[in-house]
Amino acid sequence: MKSHYRAVVIGGGVVGASVLYHLTRFGWSDVALIERAELTAGSTWHAAAGFHALNADPNVAALQDYT
């Protein structure tokens, strides 16, 4: 394991995996993801289907639509 990374993402749930995915899509190659168990084993697993399609805030609604 290297001692330095451009970015370190803590947590391999839906948000952490998405952050890592998008960093690599933007061309970042020196990144690492740290997860204490297996991917999506924490809060993401407990909140399955917890994303709501409707939201009064247009910015949050656009983010939900994007993801």
PDB file of N, CA and C in Angstrom:
ATOM      1  N   MET A   1       0.840  -1.179   0.000  1.00  0.00           N
ATOM      2  CA  MET A   1       0.000   0.000   0.000  1.00  0.00           C
ATOM      3  C   MET A   1       0.884   1.240   0.000  1.00  0.00           C
ATOM      4  N   LYS A   2       0.481   2.220  -0.777  1.00  0.00           N
ATOM      5  CA  LYS A   2       1.238   3.462  -0.872  1.00  0.00           C
ATOM      6  C   LYS A   2       1.034   4.307   0.386  1.00  0.00           C
ATOM      7  N   SER A   3       1.919   5.252   0.602  1.00  0.00           N
ATOM      8  CA  SER A   3       1.796   6.121   1.772  1.00  0.00           C
ATOM      9  C   SER A   3       1.095   7.435   1.458  1.00  0.00           C
ATOM     10  N   HIS A   4       0.927   7.778   0.177  1.00  0.00           N
ATOM     11  CA  HIS A   4       0.278   9.033  -0.204  1.00  0.00           C
ATOM     12  C   HIS A   4      -0.688   8.797  -1.365  1.00  0.00           C
ATOM     13  N   TYR A   5      -1.833   9.452  -1.287  1.00  0.00           N
ATOM     14  CA  TYR A   5      -2.835   9.406  -2.350  1.00  0.00           C
ATOM     15  C   TYR A   5      -3.336  10.816  -2.600  1.00  0.00           C
ATOM     16  N   ARG A   6      -3.815  11.042  -3.785  1.00  0.00           N
ATOM     17  CA  ARG A   6      -4.407  12.348  -4.101  1.00  0.00           C
ATOM     18  C   ARG A   6      -5.714  12.519  -3.336  1.00  0.00           C
ATOM     19  N   ALA A   7      -6.475  11.440  -3.195  1.00  0.00           N
ATOM     20  CA  ALA A   7      -7.724  11.458  -2.432  1.00  0.00           C
ATOM     21  C   ALA A   7      -7.915  10.102  -1.778  1.00  0.00           C
ATOM     22  N   VAL A   8      -8.447  10.116  -0.560  1.00  0.00           N
ATOM     23  CA  VAL A   8      -8.805   8.893   0.151  1.00  0.00           C
ATOM     24  C   VAL A   8     -10.279   9.000   0.505  1.00  0.00           C
ATOM     25  N   VAL A   9     -11.065   8.046   0.061  1.00  0.00           N
ATOM     26  CA  VAL A   9     -12.499   8.013   0.342  1.00  0.00           C
ATOM     27  C   VAL A   9     -12.713   7.032   1.483  1.00  0.00           C
ATOM     28  N   ILE A  10     -13.384   7.492   2.541  1.00  0.00           N
ATOM     29  CA  ILE A  10     -13.647   6.651   3.703  1.00  0.00           C
ATOM     30  C   ILE A  10     -15.079   6.141   3.602  1.00  0.00           C
ATOM     31  N   GLY A  11     -15.230   4.839   3.497  1.00  0.00           N
ATOM     32  CA  GLY A  11     -16.551   4.227   3.437  1.00  0.00           C
ATOM     33  C   GLY A  11     -16.909   3.777   2.034  1.00  0.00           C
ATOM     34  N   GLY A  12     -17.292   2.520   1.922  1.00  0.00           N
ATOM     35  CA  GLY A  12     -17.617   1.943   0.626  1.00  0.00           C
ATOM     36  C   GLY A  12     -19.099   1.736   0.415  1.00  0.00           C
ATOM     37  N   GLY A  13     -19.892   2.655   0.949  1.00  0.00           N
ATOM     38  CA  GLY A  13     -21.331   2.598   0.697  1.00  0.00           C
ATOM     39  C   GLY A  13     -21.672   3.279  -0.609  1.00  0.00           C
ATOM     40  N   VAL A  14     -22.924   3.610  -0.774  1.00  0.00           N
ATOM     41  CA  VAL A  14     -23.374   4.202  -2.032  1.00  0.00           C
ATOM     42  C   VAL A  14     -22.699   5.549  -2.285  1.00  0.00           C
ATOM     43  N   VAL A  15     -22.514   6.355  -1.250  1.00  0.00           N
ATOM     44  CA  VAL A  15     -21.892   7.669  -1.432  1.00  0.00           C
ATOM     45  C   VAL A  15     -20.396   7.526  -1.689  1.00  0.00           C
ATOM     46  N   GLY A  16     -19.704   6.734  -0.873  1.00  0.00           N
ATOM     47  CA  GLY A  16     -18.265   6.554  -1.059  1.00  0.00           C
ATOM     48  C   GLY A  16     -17.926   5.936  -2.400  1.00  0.00           C
ATOM     49  N   ALA A  17     -18.686   4.921  -2.799  1.00  0.00           N
ATOM     50  CA  ALA A  17     -18.445   4.287  -4.097  1.00  0.00           C
ATOM     51  C   ALA A  17     -18.706   5.264  -5.236  1.00  0.00           C
ATOM     52  N   SER A  18     -19.736   6.097  -5.079  1.00  0.00           N
ATOM     53  CA  SER A  18     -20.044   7.091  -6.110  1.00  0.00           C
ATOM     54  C   SER A  18     -18.950   8.146  -6.202  1.00  0.00           C
ATOM     55  N   VAL A  19     -18.452   8.594  -5.060  1.00  0.00           N
ATOM     56  CA  VAL A  19     -17.369   9.582  -5.058  1.00  0.00           C
ATOM     57  C   VAL A  19     -16.141   9.006  -5.755  1.00  0.00           C
ATOM     58  N   LEU A  20     -15.773   7.781  -5.408  1.00  0.00           N
ATOM     59  CA  LEU A  20     -14.613   7.150  -6.040  1.00  0.00           C
ATOM     60  C   LEU A  20     -14.831   6.988  -7.547  1.00  0.00           C
ATOM     61  N   TYR A  21     -16.009   6.560  -7.930  1.00  0.00           N
ATOM     62  CA  TYR A  21     -16.334   6.394  -9.351  1.00  0.00           C
ATOM     63  C   TYR A  21     -16.188   7.712 -10.103  1.00  0.00           C
ATOM     64  N   HIS A  22     -16.763   8.779  -9.549  1.00  0.00           N
ATOM     65  CA  HIS A  22     -16.727  10.063 -10.247  1.00  0.00           C
ATOM     66  C   HIS A  22     -15.320  10.670 -10.268  1.00  0.00           C
ATOM     67  N   LEU A  23     -14.537  10.468  -9.222  1.00  0.00           N
ATOM     68  CA  LEU A  23     -13.152  10.941  -9.251  1.00  0.00           C
ATOM     69  C   LEU A  23     -12.385  10.272 -10.389  1.00  0.00           C
ATOM     70  N   THR A  24     -12.575   8.966 -10.543  1.00  0.00           N
ATOM     71  CA  THR A  24     -11.874   8.277 -11.629  1.00  0.00           C
ATOM     72  C   THR A  24     -12.410   8.687 -12.993  1.00  0.00           C
ATOM     73  N   ARG A  25     -13.687   8.998 -13.075  1.00  0.00           N
ATOM     74  CA  ARG A  25     -14.247   9.483 -14.345  1.00  0.00           C
ATOM     75  C   ARG A  25     -13.650  10.829 -14.730  1.00  0.00           C
ATOM     76  N   PHE A  26     -13.286  11.632 -13.713  1.00  0.00           N
ATOM     77  CA  PHE A  26     -12.648  12.926 -13.966  1.00  0.00           C
ATOM     78  C   PHE A  26     -11.147  12.792 -14.184  1.00  0.00           C
ATOM     79  N   GLY A  27     -10.644  11.577 -14.233  1.00  0.00           N
ATOM     80  CA  GLY A  27      -9.245  11.357 -14.554  1.00  0.00           C
ATOM     81  C   GLY A  27      -8.318  11.163 -13.371  1.00  0.00           C
ATOM     82  N   TRP A  28      -8.839  11.159 -12.154  1.00  0.00           N
ATOM     83  CA  TRP A  28      -7.991  10.932 -10.988  1.00  0.00           C
ATOM     84  C   TRP A  28      -7.647   9.447 -10.929  1.00  0.00           C
ATOM     85  N   SER A  29      -6.363   9.138 -10.871  1.00  0.00           N
ATOM     86  CA  SER A  29      -5.965   7.733 -10.800  1.00  0.00           C
ATOM     87  C   SER A  29      -5.300   7.387  -9.476  1.00  0.00           C
ATOM     88  N   ASP A  30      -4.873   8.361  -8.732  1.00  0.00           N
ATOM     89  CA  ASP A  30      -4.158   8.137  -7.477  1.00  0.00           C
ATOM     90  C   ASP A  30      -5.127   8.286  -6.304  1.00  0.00           C
ATOM     91  N   VAL A  31      -6.140   7.396  -6.248  1.00  0.00           N
ATOM     92  CA  VAL A  31      -7.169   7.468  -5.216  1.00  0.00           C
ATOM     93  C   VAL A  31      -7.295   6.110  -4.531  1.00  0.00           C
ATOM     94  N   ALA A  32      -7.819   6.124  -3.311  1.00  0.00           N
ATOM     95  CA  ALA A  32      -8.020   4.885  -2.561  1.00  0.00           C
ATOM     96  C   ALA A  32      -9.352   4.945  -1.841  1.00  0.00           C
ATOM     97  N   LEU A  33      -9.970   3.788  -1.669  1.00  0.00           N
ATOM     98  CA  LEU A  33     -11.201   3.666  -0.900  1.00  0.00           C
ATOM     99  C   LEU A  33     -10.916   2.772   0.292  1.00  0.00           C
ATOM    100  N   ILE A  34     -11.285   3.222   1.480  1.00  0.00           N
ATOM    101  CA  ILE A  34     -11.072   2.447   2.701  1.00  0.00           C
ATOM    102  C   ILE A  34     -12.436   2.037   3.243  1.00  0.00           C
ATOM    103  N   GLU A  35     -12.621   0.749   3.450  1.00  0.00           N
ATOM    104  CA  GLU A  35     -13.871   0.196   3.975  1.00  0.00           C
ATOM    105  C   GLU A  35     -13.516  -0.820   5.045  1.00  0.00           C
ATOM    106  N   ARG A  36     -14.173  -0.761   6.189  1.00  0.00           N
ATOM    107  CA  ARG A  36     -13.826  -1.666   7.289  1.00  0.00           C
ATOM    108  C   ARG A  36     -14.380  -3.075   7.112  1.00  0.00           C
ATOM    109  N   ALA A  37     -15.418  -3.222   6.340  1.00  0.00           N
ATOM    110  CA  ALA A  37     -15.999  -4.550   6.095  1.00  0.00           C
ATOM    111  C   ALA A  37     -16.066  -4.758   4.587  1.00  0.00           C
ATOM    112  N   GLU A  38     -17.170  -5.289   4.099  1.00  0.00           N
ATOM    113  CA  GLU A  38     -17.323  -5.418   2.655  1.00  0.00           C
ATOM    114  C   GLU A  38     -18.159  -4.257   2.132  1.00  0.00           C
ATOM    115  N   LEU A  39     -18.052  -3.997   0.841  1.00  0.00           N
ATOM    116  CA  LEU A  39     -18.753  -2.861   0.251  1.00  0.00           C
ATOM    117  C   LEU A  39     -20.252  -2.951   0.508  1.00  0.00           C
ATOM    118  N   THR A  40     -20.850  -1.826   0.782  1.00  0.00           N
ATOM    119  CA  THR A  40     -22.290  -1.632   1.038  1.00  0.00           C
ATOM    120  C   THR A  40     -22.810  -2.445   2.215  1.00  0.00           C
ATOM    121  N   ALA A  41     -21.952  -2.831   3.148  1.00  0.00           N
ATOM    122  CA  ALA A  41     -22.390  -3.628   4.293  1.00  0.00           C
ATOM    123  C   ALA A  41     -22.895  -2.772   5.450  1.00  0.00           C
ATOM    124  N   GLY A  42     -22.700  -1.470   5.389  1.00  0.00           N
ATOM    125  CA  GLY A  42     -23.085  -0.604   6.499  1.00  0.00           C
ATOM    126  C   GLY A  42     -24.443   0.037   6.302  1.00  0.00           C
ATOM    127  N   SER A  43     -24.483   1.345   6.412  1.00  0.00           N
ATOM    128  CA  SER A  43     -25.742   2.088   6.345  1.00  0.00           C
ATOM    129  C   SER A  43     -26.450   1.934   5.013  1.00  0.00           C
ATOM    130  N   THR A  44     -25.712   1.818   3.931  1.00  0.00           N
ATOM    131  CA  THR A  44     -26.342   1.656   2.617  1.00  0.00           C
ATOM    132  C   THR A  44     -27.231   0.424   2.596  1.00  0.00           C
ATOM    133  N   TRP A  45     -26.755  -0.661   3.152  1.00  0.00           N
ATOM    134  CA  TRP A  45     -27.531  -1.893   3.171  1.00  0.00           C
ATOM    135  C   TRP A  45     -28.801  -1.727   3.995  1.00  0.00           C
ATOM    136  N   HIS A  46     -28.711  -1.013   5.112  1.00  0.00           N
ATOM    137  CA  HIS A  46     -29.863  -0.838   5.998  1.00  0.00           C
ATOM    138  C   HIS A  46     -30.889   0.134   5.431  1.00  0.00           C
ATOM    139  N   ALA A  47     -30.490   0.953   4.488  1.00  0.00           N
ATOM    140  CA  ALA A  47     -31.385   1.967   3.930  1.00  0.00           C
ATOM    141  C   ALA A  47     -31.770   1.645   2.489  1.00  0.00           C
ATOM    142  N   ALA A  48     -31.827   0.378   2.160  1.00  0.00           N
ATOM    143  CA  ALA A  48     -32.171   0.000   0.787  1.00  0.00           C
ATOM    144  C   ALA A  48     -33.512   0.606   0.397  1.00  0.00           C
ATOM    145  N   ALA A  49     -33.565   1.166  -0.786  1.00  0.00           N
ATOM    146  CA  ALA A  49     -34.758   1.830  -1.325  1.00  0.00           C
ATOM    147  C   ALA A  49     -35.126   3.065  -0.515  1.00  0.00           C
ATOM    148  N   GLY A  50     -34.166   3.638   0.185  1.00  0.00           N
ATOM    149  CA  GLY A  50     -34.435   4.812   1.006  1.00  0.00           C
ATOM    150  C   GLY A  50     -34.331   6.127   0.263  1.00  0.00           C
ATOM    151  N   PHE A  51     -34.030   6.096  -1.018  1.00  0.00           N
ATOM    152  CA  PHE A  51     -33.961   7.329  -1.798  1.00  0.00           C
ATOM    153  C   PHE A  51     -35.349   7.648  -2.329  1.00  0.00           C
ATOM    154  N   HIS A  52     -35.788   8.847  -2.079  1.00  0.00           N
ATOM    155  CA  HIS A  52     -37.133   9.246  -2.480  1.00  0.00           C
ATOM    156  C   HIS A  52     -37.075  10.028  -3.784  1.00  0.00           C
ATOM    157  N   ALA A  53     -37.987   9.727  -4.682  1.00  0.00           N
ATOM    158  CA  ALA A  53     -37.982  10.349  -6.009  1.00  0.00           C
ATOM    159  C   ALA A  53     -38.477  11.786  -5.984  1.00  0.00           C
ATOM    160  N   LEU A  54     -39.280  12.159  -5.014  1.00  0.00           N
ATOM    161  CA  LEU A  54     -39.836  13.508  -4.960  1.00  0.00           C
ATOM    162  C   LEU A  54     -39.158  14.314  -3.870  1.00  0.00           C
ATOM    163  N   ASN A  55     -38.847  15.561  -4.179  1.00  0.00           N
ATOM    164  CA  ASN A  55     -38.230  16.444  -3.201  1.00  0.00           C
ATOM    165  C   ASN A  55     -38.585  17.872  -3.555  1.00  0.00           C
ATOM    166  N   ALA A  56     -38.897  18.677  -2.550  1.00  0.00           N
ATOM    167  CA  ALA A  56     -39.292  20.065  -2.785  1.00  0.00           C
ATOM    168  C   ALA A  56     -38.111  20.938  -3.207  1.00  0.00           C
ATOM    169  N   ASP A  57     -36.913  20.575  -2.809  1.00  0.00           N
ATOM    170  CA  ASP A  57     -35.724  21.349  -3.168  1.00  0.00           C
ATOM    171  C   ASP A  57     -35.290  20.961  -4.582  1.00  0.00           C
ATOM    172  N   PRO A  58     -35.306  21.899  -5.535  1.00  0.00           N
ATOM    173  CA  PRO A  58     -34.963  21.548  -6.920  1.00  0.00           C
ATOM    174  C   PRO A  58     -33.532  21.037  -7.085  1.00  0.00           C
ATOM    175  N   ASN A  59     -32.607  21.513  -6.250  1.00  0.00           N
ATOM    176  CA  ASN A  59     -31.222  21.035  -6.338  1.00  0.00           C
ATOM    177  C   ASN A  59     -31.107  19.581  -5.897  1.00  0.00           C
ATOM    178  N   VAL A  60     -31.768  19.244  -4.800  1.00  0.00           N
ATOM    179  CA  VAL A  60     -31.748  17.863  -4.318  1.00  0.00           C
ATOM    180  C   VAL A  60     -32.477  16.960  -5.309  1.00  0.00           C
ATOM    181  N   ALA A  61     -33.589  17.432  -5.855  1.00  0.00           N
ATOM    182  CA  ALA A  61     -34.332  16.646  -6.843  1.00  0.00           C
ATOM    183  C   ALA A  61     -33.471  16.372  -8.074  1.00  0.00           C
ATOM    184  N   ALA A  62     -32.707  17.372  -8.520  1.00  0.00           N
ATOM    185  CA  ALA A  62     -31.826  17.182  -9.677  1.00  0.00           C
ATOM    186  C   ALA A  62     -30.726  16.173  -9.360  1.00  0.00           C
ATOM    187  N   LEU A  63     -30.165  16.240  -8.137  1.00  0.00           N
ATOM    188  CA  LEU A  63     -29.140  15.280  -7.729  1.00  0.00           C
ATOM    189  C   LEU A  63     -29.715  13.869  -7.672  1.00  0.00           C
ATOM    190  N   GLN A  64     -30.922  13.735  -7.110  1.00  0.00           N
ATOM    191  CA  GLN A  64     -31.558  12.423  -7.047  1.00  0.00           C
ATOM    192  C   GLN A  64     -31.843  11.890  -8.444  1.00  0.00           C
ATOM    193  N   ASP A  65     -32.238  12.769  -9.341  1.00  0.00           N
ATOM    194  CA  ASP A  65     -32.518  12.355 -10.714  1.00  0.00           C
ATOM    195  C   ASP A  65     -31.240  11.894 -11.407  1.00  0.00           C
ATOM    196  N   TYR A  66     -30.125  12.583 -11.116  1.00  0.00           N
ATOM    197  CA  TYR A  66     -28.837  12.238 -11.721  1.00  0.00           C
ATOM    198  C   TYR A  66     -28.348  10.874 -11.258  1.00  0.00           C
ATOM    199  N   THR A  67     -28.542  10.577  -9.974  1.00  0.00           N
ATOM    200  CA  THR A  67     -28.046   9.325  -9.425  1.00  0.00           C
ATOM    201  C   THR A  67     -29.041   8.228  -9.636  1.00  0.00           C
TER     202      THR A  67
END
